[in-house]
Amino acid sequence: MAVSEKTIEQELCQRVKELGGLCLKWVSPGCAGVPDRITFLPGGQIHFVELKAPGKSAKPRQRVVIAWLRRLGCYVWELNSLEDVEMMIKTVQGKEVMS
């Protein structure tokens, strides 16, 4: 059985907390399509995270916002599995190269 988006989100929040960071829900009235979470990690790392259930992908408006944030030089992750969460955590810890 595939995991739910909620389970992936809970894992992300727990892993970020274990690193000493914050994983905050992002709601931006008047700006549809923003990523689900903003993570604040030690060392001043700020990452935006769009979460999806396995097999799902970002909607067109979300893709526009993600591209906009990336053009501004922001780190934006699209996670749709527990393995994606693990990859993100290893990357922000410097154990893998940023993609």
PDB file of N, CA and C in Angstrom:
ATOM      1  N   MET A   1       0.835  -1.192   0.000  1.00  0.00           N
ATOM      2  CA  MET A   1       0.000   0.000   0.000  1.00  0.00           C
ATOM      3  C   MET A   1       0.879   1.254   0.000  1.00  0.00           C
ATOM      4  N   ALA A   2       0.539   2.188  -0.855  1.00  0.00           N
ATOM      5  CA  ALA A   2       1.291   3.440  -0.946  1.00  0.00           C
ATOM      6  C   ALA A   2       0.994   4.320   0.263  1.00  0.00           C
ATOM      7  N   VAL A   3       1.981   5.123   0.634  1.00  0.00           N
ATOM      8  CA  VAL A   3       1.790   6.040   1.749  1.00  0.00           C
ATOM      9  C   VAL A   3       1.018   7.265   1.274  1.00  0.00           C
ATOM     10  N   SER A   4       0.384   7.944   2.198  1.00  0.00           N
ATOM     11  CA  SER A   4      -0.393   9.135   1.864  1.00  0.00           C
ATOM     12  C   SER A   4       0.485  10.386   1.895  1.00  0.00           C
ATOM     13  N   GLU A   5      -0.035  11.446   1.304  1.00  0.00           N
ATOM     14  CA  GLU A   5       0.656  12.737   1.362  1.00  0.00           C
ATOM     15  C   GLU A   5       0.847  13.163   2.818  1.00  0.00           C
ATOM     16  N   LYS A   6      -0.153  12.929   3.651  1.00  0.00           N
ATOM     17  CA  LYS A   6      -0.065  13.290   5.063  1.00  0.00           C
ATOM     18  C   LYS A   6       1.084  12.561   5.750  1.00  0.00           C
ATOM     19  N   THR A   7       1.261  11.286   5.444  1.00  0.00           N
ATOM     20  CA  THR A   7       2.359  10.508   6.036  1.00  0.00           C
ATOM     21  C   THR A   7       3.705  11.069   5.598  1.00  0.00           C
ATOM     22  N   ILE A   8       3.830  11.427   4.332  1.00  0.00           N
ATOM     23  CA  ILE A   8       5.071  12.015   3.818  1.00  0.00           C
ATOM     24  C   ILE A   8       5.340  13.340   4.521  1.00  0.00           C
ATOM     25  N   GLU A   9       4.297  14.142   4.687  1.00  0.00           N
ATOM     26  CA  GLU A   9       4.429  15.441   5.364  1.00  0.00           C
ATOM     27  C   GLU A   9       4.852  15.256   6.821  1.00  0.00           C
ATOM     28  N   GLN A  10       4.262  14.294   7.506  1.00  0.00           N
ATOM     29  CA  GLN A  10       4.630  14.031   8.896  1.00  0.00           C
ATOM     30  C   GLN A  10       6.084  13.591   9.009  1.00  0.00           C
ATOM     31  N   GLU A  11       6.527  12.755   8.090  1.00  0.00           N
ATOM     32  CA  GLU A  11       7.927  12.307   8.092  1.00  0.00           C
ATOM     33  C   GLU A  11       8.863  13.486   7.857  1.00  0.00           C
ATOM     34  N   LEU A  12       8.538  14.345   6.908  1.00  0.00           N
ATOM     35  CA  LEU A  12       9.346  15.530   6.646  1.00  0.00           C
ATOM     36  C   LEU A  12       9.464  16.376   7.909  1.00  0.00           C
ATOM     37  N   CYS A  13       8.332  16.676   8.541  1.00  0.00           N
ATOM     38  CA  CYS A  13       8.346  17.523   9.731  1.00  0.00           C
ATOM     39  C   CYS A  13       9.169  16.903  10.854  1.00  0.00           C
ATOM     40  N   GLN A  14       9.042  15.600  11.044  1.00  0.00           N
ATOM     41  CA  GLN A  14       9.805  14.910  12.085  1.00  0.00           C
ATOM     42  C   GLN A  14      11.300  14.954  11.804  1.00  0.00           C
ATOM     43  N   ARG A  15      11.676  14.691  10.559  1.00  0.00           N
ATOM     44  CA  ARG A  15      13.100  14.684  10.200  1.00  0.00           C
ATOM     45  C   ARG A  15      13.715  16.070  10.333  1.00  0.00           C
ATOM     46  N   VAL A  16      12.978  17.105   9.914  1.00  0.00           N
ATOM     47  CA  VAL A  16      13.481  18.475  10.049  1.00  0.00           C
ATOM     48  C   VAL A  16      13.637  18.832  11.526  1.00  0.00           C
ATOM     49  N   LYS A  17      12.677  18.451  12.333  1.00  0.00           N
ATOM     50  CA  LYS A  17      12.752  18.695  13.783  1.00  0.00           C
ATOM     51  C   LYS A  17      13.978  18.014  14.392  1.00  0.00           C
ATOM     52  N   GLU A  18      14.261  16.793  13.966  1.00  0.00           N
ATOM     53  CA  GLU A  18      15.435  16.060  14.455  1.00  0.00           C
ATOM     54  C   GLU A  18      16.732  16.783  14.127  1.00  0.00           C
ATOM     55  N   LEU A  19      16.730  17.544  13.047  1.00  0.00           N
ATOM     56  CA  LEU A  19      17.911  18.325  12.666  1.00  0.00           C
ATOM     57  C   LEU A  19      17.994  19.654  13.421  1.00  0.00           C
ATOM     58  N   GLY A  20      16.986  19.935  14.252  1.00  0.00           N
ATOM     59  CA  GLY A  20      16.964  21.196  14.989  1.00  0.00           C
ATOM     60  C   GLY A  20      16.296  22.317  14.227  1.00  0.00           C
ATOM     61  N   GLY A  21      15.528  21.973  13.204  1.00  0.00           N
ATOM     62  CA  GLY A  21      14.889  22.988  12.383  1.00  0.00           C
ATOM     63  C   GLY A  21      13.394  23.091  12.608  1.00  0.00           C
ATOM     64  N   LEU A  22      12.784  23.954  11.820  1.00  0.00           N
ATOM     65  CA  LEU A  22      11.332  24.152  11.832  1.00  0.00           C
ATOM     66  C   LEU A  22      10.778  23.782  10.463  1.00  0.00           C
ATOM     67  N   CYS A  23       9.580  23.218  10.470  1.00  0.00           N
ATOM     68  CA  CYS A  23       8.902  22.850   9.228  1.00  0.00           C
ATOM     69  C   CYS A  23       7.498  23.436   9.321  1.00  0.00           C
ATOM     70  N   LEU A  24       7.338  24.615   8.776  1.00  0.00           N
ATOM     71  CA  LEU A  24       6.100  25.365   8.952  1.00  0.00           C
ATOM     72  C   LEU A  24       5.191  25.269   7.734  1.00  0.00           C
ATOM     73  N   LYS A  25       3.895  25.186   8.002  1.00  0.00           N
ATOM     74  CA  LYS A  25       2.887  25.204   6.947  1.00  0.00           C
ATOM     75  C   LYS A  25       2.886  26.594   6.327  1.00  0.00           C
ATOM     76  N   TRP A  26       2.827  26.649   4.995  1.00  0.00           N
ATOM     77  CA  TRP A  26       2.813  27.944   4.334  1.00  0.00           C
ATOM     78  C   TRP A  26       1.456  28.163   3.700  1.00  0.00           C
ATOM     79  N   VAL A  27       0.792  29.207   4.143  1.00  0.00           N
ATOM     80  CA  VAL A  27      -0.462  29.652   3.558  1.00  0.00           C
ATOM     81  C   VAL A  27      -0.249  31.111   3.181  1.00  0.00           C
ATOM     82  N   SER A  28      -0.527  31.444   1.942  1.00  0.00           N
ATOM     83  CA  SER A  28      -0.281  32.797   1.469  1.00  0.00           C
ATOM     84  C   SER A  28      -1.549  33.342   0.814  1.00  0.00           C
ATOM     85  N   PRO A  29      -2.399  33.987   1.602  1.00  0.00           N
ATOM     86  CA  PRO A  29      -3.641  34.532   1.032  1.00  0.00           C
ATOM     87  C   PRO A  29      -3.336  35.457  -0.152  1.00  0.00           C
ATOM     88  N   GLY A  30      -4.067  35.269  -1.213  1.00  0.00           N
ATOM     89  CA  GLY A  30      -3.877  36.108  -2.391  1.00  0.00           C
ATOM     90  C   GLY A  30      -2.827  35.585  -3.352  1.00  0.00           C
ATOM     91  N   CYS A  31      -2.144  34.509  -2.986  1.00  0.00           N
ATOM     92  CA  CYS A  31      -1.127  33.934  -3.875  1.00  0.00           C
ATOM     93  C   CYS A  31      -1.305  32.424  -3.904  1.00  0.00           C
ATOM     94  N   ALA A  32      -2.120  31.969  -4.823  1.00  0.00           N
ATOM     95  CA  ALA A  32      -2.389  30.534  -4.952  1.00  0.00           C
ATOM     96  C   ALA A  32      -1.159  29.809  -5.478  1.00  0.00           C
ATOM     97  N   GLY A  33      -1.016  28.555  -5.069  1.00  0.00           N
ATOM     98  CA  GLY A  33       0.025  27.705  -5.626  1.00  0.00           C
ATOM     99  C   GLY A  33       1.340  27.680  -4.880  1.00  0.00           C
ATOM    100  N   VAL A  34       1.410  28.325  -3.714  1.00  0.00           N
ATOM    101  CA  VAL A  34       2.676  28.295  -2.979  1.00  0.00           C
ATOM    102  C   VAL A  34       2.922  26.883  -2.441  1.00  0.00           C
ATOM    103  N   PRO A  35       4.190  26.494  -2.258  1.00  0.00           N
ATOM    104  CA  PRO A  35       4.485  25.178  -1.700  1.00  0.00           C
ATOM    105  C   PRO A  35       3.854  24.989  -0.319  1.00  0.00           C
ATOM    106  N   ASP A  36       3.669  23.722   0.060  1.00  0.00           N
ATOM    107  CA  ASP A  36       2.990  23.381   1.308  1.00  0.00           C
ATOM    108  C   ASP A  36       3.748  23.801   2.561  1.00  0.00           C
ATOM    109  N   ARG A  37       5.060  23.670   2.536  1.00  0.00           N
ATOM    110  CA  ARG A  37       5.868  23.887   3.736  1.00  0.00           C
ATOM    111  C   ARG A  37       7.085  24.754   3.441  1.00  0.00           C
ATOM    112  N   ILE A  38       7.527  25.466   4.473  1.00  0.00           N
ATOM    113  CA  ILE A  38       8.812  26.159   4.458  1.00  0.00           C
ATOM    114  C   ILE A  38       9.620  25.540   5.587  1.00  0.00           C
ATOM    115  N   THR A  39      10.830  25.085   5.273  1.00  0.00           N
ATOM    116  CA  THR A  39      11.691  24.544   6.317  1.00  0.00           C
ATOM    117  C   THR A  39      12.825  25.522   6.594  1.00  0.00           C
ATOM    118  N   PHE A  40      13.082  25.687   7.862  1.00  0.00           N
ATOM    119  CA  PHE A  40      14.179  26.525   8.330  1.00  0.00           C
ATOM    120  C   PHE A  40      15.148  25.598   9.053  1.00  0.00           C
ATOM    121  N   LEU A  41      16.369  25.505   8.533  1.00  0.00           N
ATOM    122  CA  LEU A  41      17.349  24.567   9.068  1.00  0.00           C
ATOM    123  C   LEU A  41      18.563  25.308   9.610  1.00  0.00           C
ATOM    124  N   PRO A  42      19.296  24.657  10.518  1.00  0.00           N
ATOM    125  CA  PRO A  42      20.508  25.290  11.048  1.00  0.00           C
ATOM    126  C   PRO A  42      21.418  25.779   9.923  1.00  0.00           C
ATOM    127  N   GLY A  43      22.109  26.855  10.188  1.00  0.00           N
ATOM    128  CA  GLY A  43      23.004  27.433   9.194  1.00  0.00           C
ATOM    129  C   GLY A  43      22.302  28.379   8.245  1.00  0.00           C
ATOM    130  N   GLY A  44      21.038  28.707   8.548  1.00  0.00           N
ATOM    131  CA  GLY A  44      20.314  29.657   7.714  1.00  0.00           C
ATOM    132  C   GLY A  44      19.726  29.071   6.440  1.00  0.00           C
ATOM    133  N   GLN A  45      19.660  27.756   6.368  1.00  0.00           N
ATOM    134  CA  GLN A  45      19.080  27.125   5.172  1.00  0.00           C
ATOM    135  C   GLN A  45      17.558  27.251   5.203  1.00  0.00           C
ATOM    136  N   ILE A  46      17.010  27.743   4.117  1.00  0.00           N
ATOM    137  CA  ILE A  46      15.561  27.836   3.966  1.00  0.00           C
ATOM    138  C   ILE A  46      15.185  27.084   2.692  1.00  0.00           C
ATOM    139  N   HIS A  47      14.251  26.157   2.835  1.00  0.00           N
ATOM    140  CA  HIS A  47      13.808  25.340   1.710  1.00  0.00           C
ATOM    141  C   HIS A  47      12.286  25.349   1.653  1.00  0.00           C
ATOM    142  N   PHE A  48      11.749  25.443   0.450  1.00  0.00           N
ATOM    143  CA  PHE A  48      10.312  25.347   0.225  1.00  0.00           C
ATOM    144  C   PHE A  48      10.016  23.922  -0.230  1.00  0.00           C
ATOM    145  N   VAL A  49       8.912  23.349   0.248  1.00  0.00           N
ATOM    146  CA  VAL A  49       8.608  21.952  -0.062  1.00  0.00           C
ATOM    147  C   VAL A  49       7.157  21.802  -0.504  1.00  0.00           C
ATOM    148  N   GLU A  50       6.983  21.260  -1.705  1.00  0.00           N
ATOM    149  CA  GLU A  50       5.667  20.886  -2.207  1.00  0.00           C
ATOM    150  C   GLU A  50       5.528  19.386  -2.008  1.00  0.00           C
ATOM    151  N   LEU A  51       4.487  18.978  -1.307  1.00  0.00           N
ATOM    152  CA  LEU A  51       4.257  17.571  -1.008  1.00  0.00           C
ATOM    153  C   LEU A  51       3.109  17.032  -1.843  1.00  0.00           C
ATOM    154  N   LYS A  52       3.282  15.820  -2.320  1.00  0.00           N
ATOM    155  CA  LYS A  52       2.258  15.152  -3.116  1.00  0.00           C
ATOM    156  C   LYS A  52       2.202  13.684  -2.721  1.00  0.00           C
ATOM    157  N   ALA A  53       1.044  13.085  -2.927  1.00  0.00           N
ATOM    158  CA  ALA A  53       0.908  11.639  -2.749  1.00  0.00           C
ATOM    159  C   ALA A  53       1.710  10.948  -3.853  1.00  0.00           C
ATOM    160  N   PRO A  54       2.163   9.727  -3.602  1.00  0.00           N
ATOM    161  CA  PRO A  54       2.900   8.996  -4.641  1.00  0.00           C
ATOM    162  C   PRO A  54       2.122   8.967  -5.960  1.00  0.00           C
ATOM    163  N   GLY A  55       2.846   9.242  -7.042  1.00  0.00           N
ATOM    164  CA  GLY A  55       2.231   9.233  -8.365  1.00  0.00           C
ATOM    165  C   GLY A  55       1.568  10.535  -8.766  1.00  0.00           C
ATOM    166  N   LYS A  56       1.457  11.465  -7.850  1.00  0.00           N
ATOM    167  CA  LYS A  56       0.834  12.764  -8.145  1.00  0.00           C
ATOM    168  C   LYS A  56       1.932  13.789  -8.428  1.00  0.00           C
ATOM    169  N   SER A  57       1.569  14.845  -9.147  1.00  0.00           N
ATOM    170  CA  SER A  57       2.535  15.906  -9.434  1.00  0.00           C
ATOM    171  C   SER A  57       1.878  17.266  -9.219  1.00  0.00           C
ATOM    172  N   ALA A  58       2.713  18.289  -9.210  1.00  0.00           N
ATOM    173  CA  ALA A  58       2.233  19.642  -8.964  1.00  0.00           C
ATOM    174  C   ALA A  58       1.249  20.077 -10.049  1.00  0.00           C
ATOM    175  N   LYS A  59       0.280  20.882  -9.643  1.00  0.00           N
ATOM    176  CA  LYS A  59      -0.703  21.458 -10.568  1.00  0.00           C
ATOM    177  C   LYS A  59      -0.049  22.602 -11.341  1.00  0.00           C
ATOM    178  N   PRO A  60      -0.648  23.007 -12.461  1.00  0.00           N
ATOM    179  CA  PRO A  60      -0.033  24.062 -13.279  1.00  0.00           C
ATOM    180  C   PRO A  60       0.317  25.331 -12.494  1.00  0.00           C
ATOM    181  N   ARG A  61      -0.579  25.829 -11.661  1.00  0.00           N
ATOM    182  CA  ARG A  61      -0.282  27.047 -10.897  1.00  0.00           C
ATOM    183  C   ARG A  61       0.870  26.817  -9.927  1.00  0.00           C
ATOM    184  N   GLN A  62       0.924  25.634  -9.330  1.00  0.00           N
ATOM    185  CA  GLN A  62       2.028  25.305  -8.428  1.00  0.00           C
ATOM    186  C   GLN A  62       3.347  25.272  -9.194  1.00  0.00           C
ATOM    187  N   ARG A  63       3.326  24.758 -10.415  1.00  0.00           N
ATOM    188  CA  ARG A  63       4.537  24.723 -11.243  1.00  0.00           C
ATOM    189  C   ARG A  63       5.044  26.137 -11.537  1.00  0.00           C
ATOM    190  N   VAL A  64       4.108  27.054 -11.781  1.00  0.00           N
ATOM    191  CA  VAL A  64       4.484  28.452 -12.038  1.00  0.00           C
ATOM    192  C   VAL A  64       5.180  29.044 -10.811  1.00  0.00           C
ATOM    193  N   VAL A  65       4.602  28.835  -9.636  1.00  0.00           N
ATOM    194  CA  VAL A  65       5.173  29.387  -8.400  1.00  0.00           C
ATOM    195  C   VAL A  65       6.517  28.735  -8.100  1.00  0.00           C
ATOM    196  N   ILE A  66       6.615  27.423  -8.283  1.00  0.00           N
ATOM    197  CA  ILE A  66       7.883  26.727  -8.051  1.00  0.00           C
ATOM    198  C   ILE A  66       8.973  27.292  -8.963  1.00  0.00           C
ATOM    199  N   ALA A  67       8.657  27.473 -10.239  1.00  0.00           N
ATOM    200  CA  ALA A  67       9.625  28.034 -11.188  1.00  0.00           C
ATOM    201  C   ALA A  67      10.022  29.452 -10.785  1.00  0.00           C
ATOM    202  N   TRP A  68       9.061  30.222 -10.336  1.00  0.00           N
ATOM    203  CA  TRP A  68       9.312  31.600  -9.896  1.00  0.00           C
ATOM    204  C   TRP A  68      10.271  31.607  -8.706  1.00  0.00           C
ATOM    205  N   LEU A  69      10.022  30.760  -7.721  1.00  0.00           N
ATOM    206  CA  LEU A  69      10.903  30.694  -6.556  1.00  0.00           C
ATOM    207  C   LEU A  69      12.309  30.239  -6.941  1.00  0.00           C
ATOM    208  N   ARG A  70      12.386  29.266  -7.827  1.00  0.00           N
ATOM    209  CA  ARG A  70      13.709  28.784  -8.265  1.00  0.00           C
ATOM    210  C   ARG A  70      14.468  29.865  -9.027  1.00  0.00           C
ATOM    211  N   ARG A  71      13.762  30.652  -9.849  1.00  0.00           N
ATOM    212  CA  ARG A  71      14.421  31.759 -10.561  1.00  0.00           C
ATOM    213  C   ARG A  71      14.988  32.780  -9.578  1.00  0.00           C
ATOM    214  N   LEU A  72      14.358  32.895  -8.414  1.00  0.00           N
ATOM    215  CA  LEU A  72      14.841  33.809  -7.379  1.00  0.00           C
ATOM    216  C   LEU A  72      16.004  33.215  -6.581  1.00  0.00           C
ATOM    217  N   GLY A  73      16.377  31.983  -6.907  1.00  0.00           N
ATOM    218  CA  GLY A  73      17.501  31.336  -6.245  1.00  0.00           C
ATOM    219  C   GLY A  73      17.122  30.521  -5.016  1.00  0.00           C
ATOM    220  N   CYS A  74      15.836  30.264  -4.827  1.00  0.00           N
ATOM    221  CA  CYS A  74      15.371  29.498  -3.668  1.00  0.00           C
ATOM    222  C   CYS A  74      15.487  28.005  -3.919  1.00  0.00           C
ATOM    223  N   TYR A  75      15.682  27.273  -2.840  1.00  0.00           N
ATOM    224  CA  TYR A  75      15.622  25.814  -2.903  1.00  0.00           C
ATOM    225  C   TYR A  75      14.165  25.394  -2.810  1.00  0.00           C
ATOM    226  N   VAL A  76      13.697  24.641  -3.781  1.00  0.00           N
ATOM    227  CA  VAL A  76      12.317  24.154  -3.782  1.00  0.00           C
ATOM    228  C   VAL A  76      12.350  22.658  -4.067  1.00  0.00           C
ATOM    229  N   TRP A  77      11.722  21.917  -3.187  1.00  0.00           N
ATOM    230  CA  TRP A  77      11.661  20.460  -3.311  1.00  0.00           C
ATOM    231  C   TRP A  77      10.242  20.034  -3.636  1.00  0.00           C
ATOM    232  N   GLU A  78      10.139  18.999  -4.450  1.00  0.00           N
ATOM    233  CA  GLU A  78       8.856  18.346  -4.715  1.00  0.00           C
ATOM    234  C   GLU A  78       9.002  16.908  -4.233  1.00  0.00           C
ATOM    235  N   LEU A  79       8.322  16.581  -3.142  1.00  0.00           N
ATOM    236  CA  LEU A  79       8.467  15.266  -2.518  1.00  0.00           C
ATOM    237  C   LEU A  79       7.174  14.480  -2.637  1.00  0.00           C
ATOM    238  N   ASN A  80       7.276  13.222  -3.102  1.00  0.00           N
ATOM    239  CA  ASN A  80       6.074  12.392  -3.174  1.00  0.00           C
ATOM    240  C   ASN A  80       6.312  10.960  -2.695  1.00  0.00           C
ATOM    241  N   SER A  81       7.342  10.805  -1.846  1.00  0.00           N
ATOM    242  CA  SER A  81       7.610   9.498  -1.248  1.00  0.00           C
ATOM    243  C   SER A  81       8.473   9.682  -0.005  1.00  0.00           C
ATOM    244  N   LEU A  82       8.503   8.666   0.825  1.00  0.00           N
ATOM    245  CA  LEU A  82       9.381   8.702   1.992  1.00  0.00           C
ATOM    246  C   LEU A  82      10.842   8.700   1.556  1.00  0.00           C
ATOM    247  N   GLU A  83      11.128   8.065   0.420  1.00  0.00           N
ATOM    248  CA  GLU A  83      12.490   8.070  -0.112  1.00  0.00           C
ATOM    249  C   GLU A  83      12.899   9.480  -0.536  1.00  0.00           C
ATOM    250  N   ASP A  84      11.961  10.251  -1.070  1.00  0.00           N
ATOM    251  CA  ASP A  84      12.252  11.643  -1.424  1.00  0.00           C
ATOM    252  C   ASP A  84      12.603  12.452  -0.184  1.00  0.00           C
ATOM    253  N   VAL A  85      11.893  12.213   0.912  1.00  0.00           N
ATOM    254  CA  VAL A  85      12.194  12.911   2.175  1.00  0.00           C
ATOM    255  C   VAL A  85      13.618  12.572   2.601  1.00  0.00           C
ATOM    256  N   GLU A  86      13.970  11.292   2.559  1.00  0.00           N
ATOM    257  CA  GLU A  86      15.316  10.855   2.947  1.00  0.00           C
ATOM    258  C   GLU A  86      16.377  11.522   2.084  1.00  0.00           C
ATOM    259  N   MET A  87      16.127  11.593   0.757  1.00  0.00           N
ATOM    260  CA  MET A  87      17.077  12.236  -0.145  1.00  0.00           C
ATOM    261  C   MET A  87      17.256  13.715   0.205  1.00  0.00           C
ATOM    262  N   MET A  88      16.156  14.401   0.489  1.00  0.00           N
ATOM    263  CA  MET A  88      16.238  15.813   0.853  1.00  0.00           C
ATOM    264  C   MET A  88      17.054  15.983   2.131  1.00  0.00           C
ATOM    265  N   ILE A  89      16.764  15.179   3.145  1.00  0.00           N
ATOM    266  CA  ILE A  89      17.467  15.301   4.424  1.00  0.00           C
ATOM    267  C   ILE A  89      18.962  15.052   4.238  1.00  0.00           C
ATOM    268  N   LYS A  90      19.319  14.016   3.508  1.00  0.00           N
ATOM    269  CA  LYS A  90      20.740  13.746   3.267  1.00  0.00           C
ATOM    270  C   LYS A  90      21.391  14.900   2.518  1.00  0.00           C
ATOM    271  N   THR A  91      20.677  15.461   1.561  1.00  0.00           N
ATOM    272  CA  THR A  91      21.230  16.557   0.764  1.00  0.00           C
ATOM    273  C   THR A  91      21.463  17.791   1.629  1.00  0.00           C
ATOM    274  N   VAL A  92      20.484  18.157   2.451  1.00  0.00           N
ATOM    275  CA  VAL A  92      20.663  19.375   3.259  1.00  0.00           C
ATOM    276  C   VAL A  92      21.715  19.178   4.339  1.00  0.00           C
ATOM    277  N   GLN A  93      22.001  17.921   4.680  1.00  0.00           N
ATOM    278  CA  GLN A  93      23.075  17.629   5.635  1.00  0.00           C
ATOM    279  C   GLN A  93      24.435  17.588   4.937  1.00  0.00           C
ATOM    280  N   GLY A  94      24.441  17.742   3.620  1.00  0.00           N
ATOM    281  CA  GLY A  94      25.702  17.724   2.873  1.00  0.00           C
ATOM    282  C   GLY A  94      26.192  16.333   2.561  1.00  0.00           C
ATOM    283  N   LYS A  95      25.334  15.317   2.685  1.00  0.00           N
ATOM    284  CA  LYS A  95      25.738  13.947   2.406  1.00  0.00           C
ATOM    285  C   LYS A  95      25.529  13.580   0.945  1.00  0.00           C
ATOM    286  N   GLU A  96      24.810  14.423   0.210  1.00  0.00           N
ATOM    287  CA  GLU A  96      24.613  14.231  -1.227  1.00  0.00           C
ATOM    288  C   GLU A  96      24.683  15.588  -1.896  1.00  0.00           C
ATOM    289  N   VAL A  97      24.876  15.596  -3.178  1.00  0.00           N
ATOM    290  CA  VAL A  97      24.973  16.836  -3.934  1.00  0.00           C
ATOM    291  C   VAL A  97      23.586  17.362  -4.235  1.00  0.00           C
ATOM    292  N   MET A  98      23.384  18.677  -4.100  1.00  0.00           N
ATOM    293  CA  MET A  98      22.101  19.306  -4.441  1.00  0.00           C
ATOM    294  C   MET A  98      21.798  19.086  -5.909  1.00  0.00           C
ATOM    295  N   SER A  99      20.528  18.827  -6.186  1.00  0.00           N
ATOM    296  CA  SER A  99      20.143  18.668  -7.602  1.00  0.00           C
ATOM    297  C   SER A  99      19.273  19.801  -8.036  1.00  0.00           C
TER     298      SER A  99
END
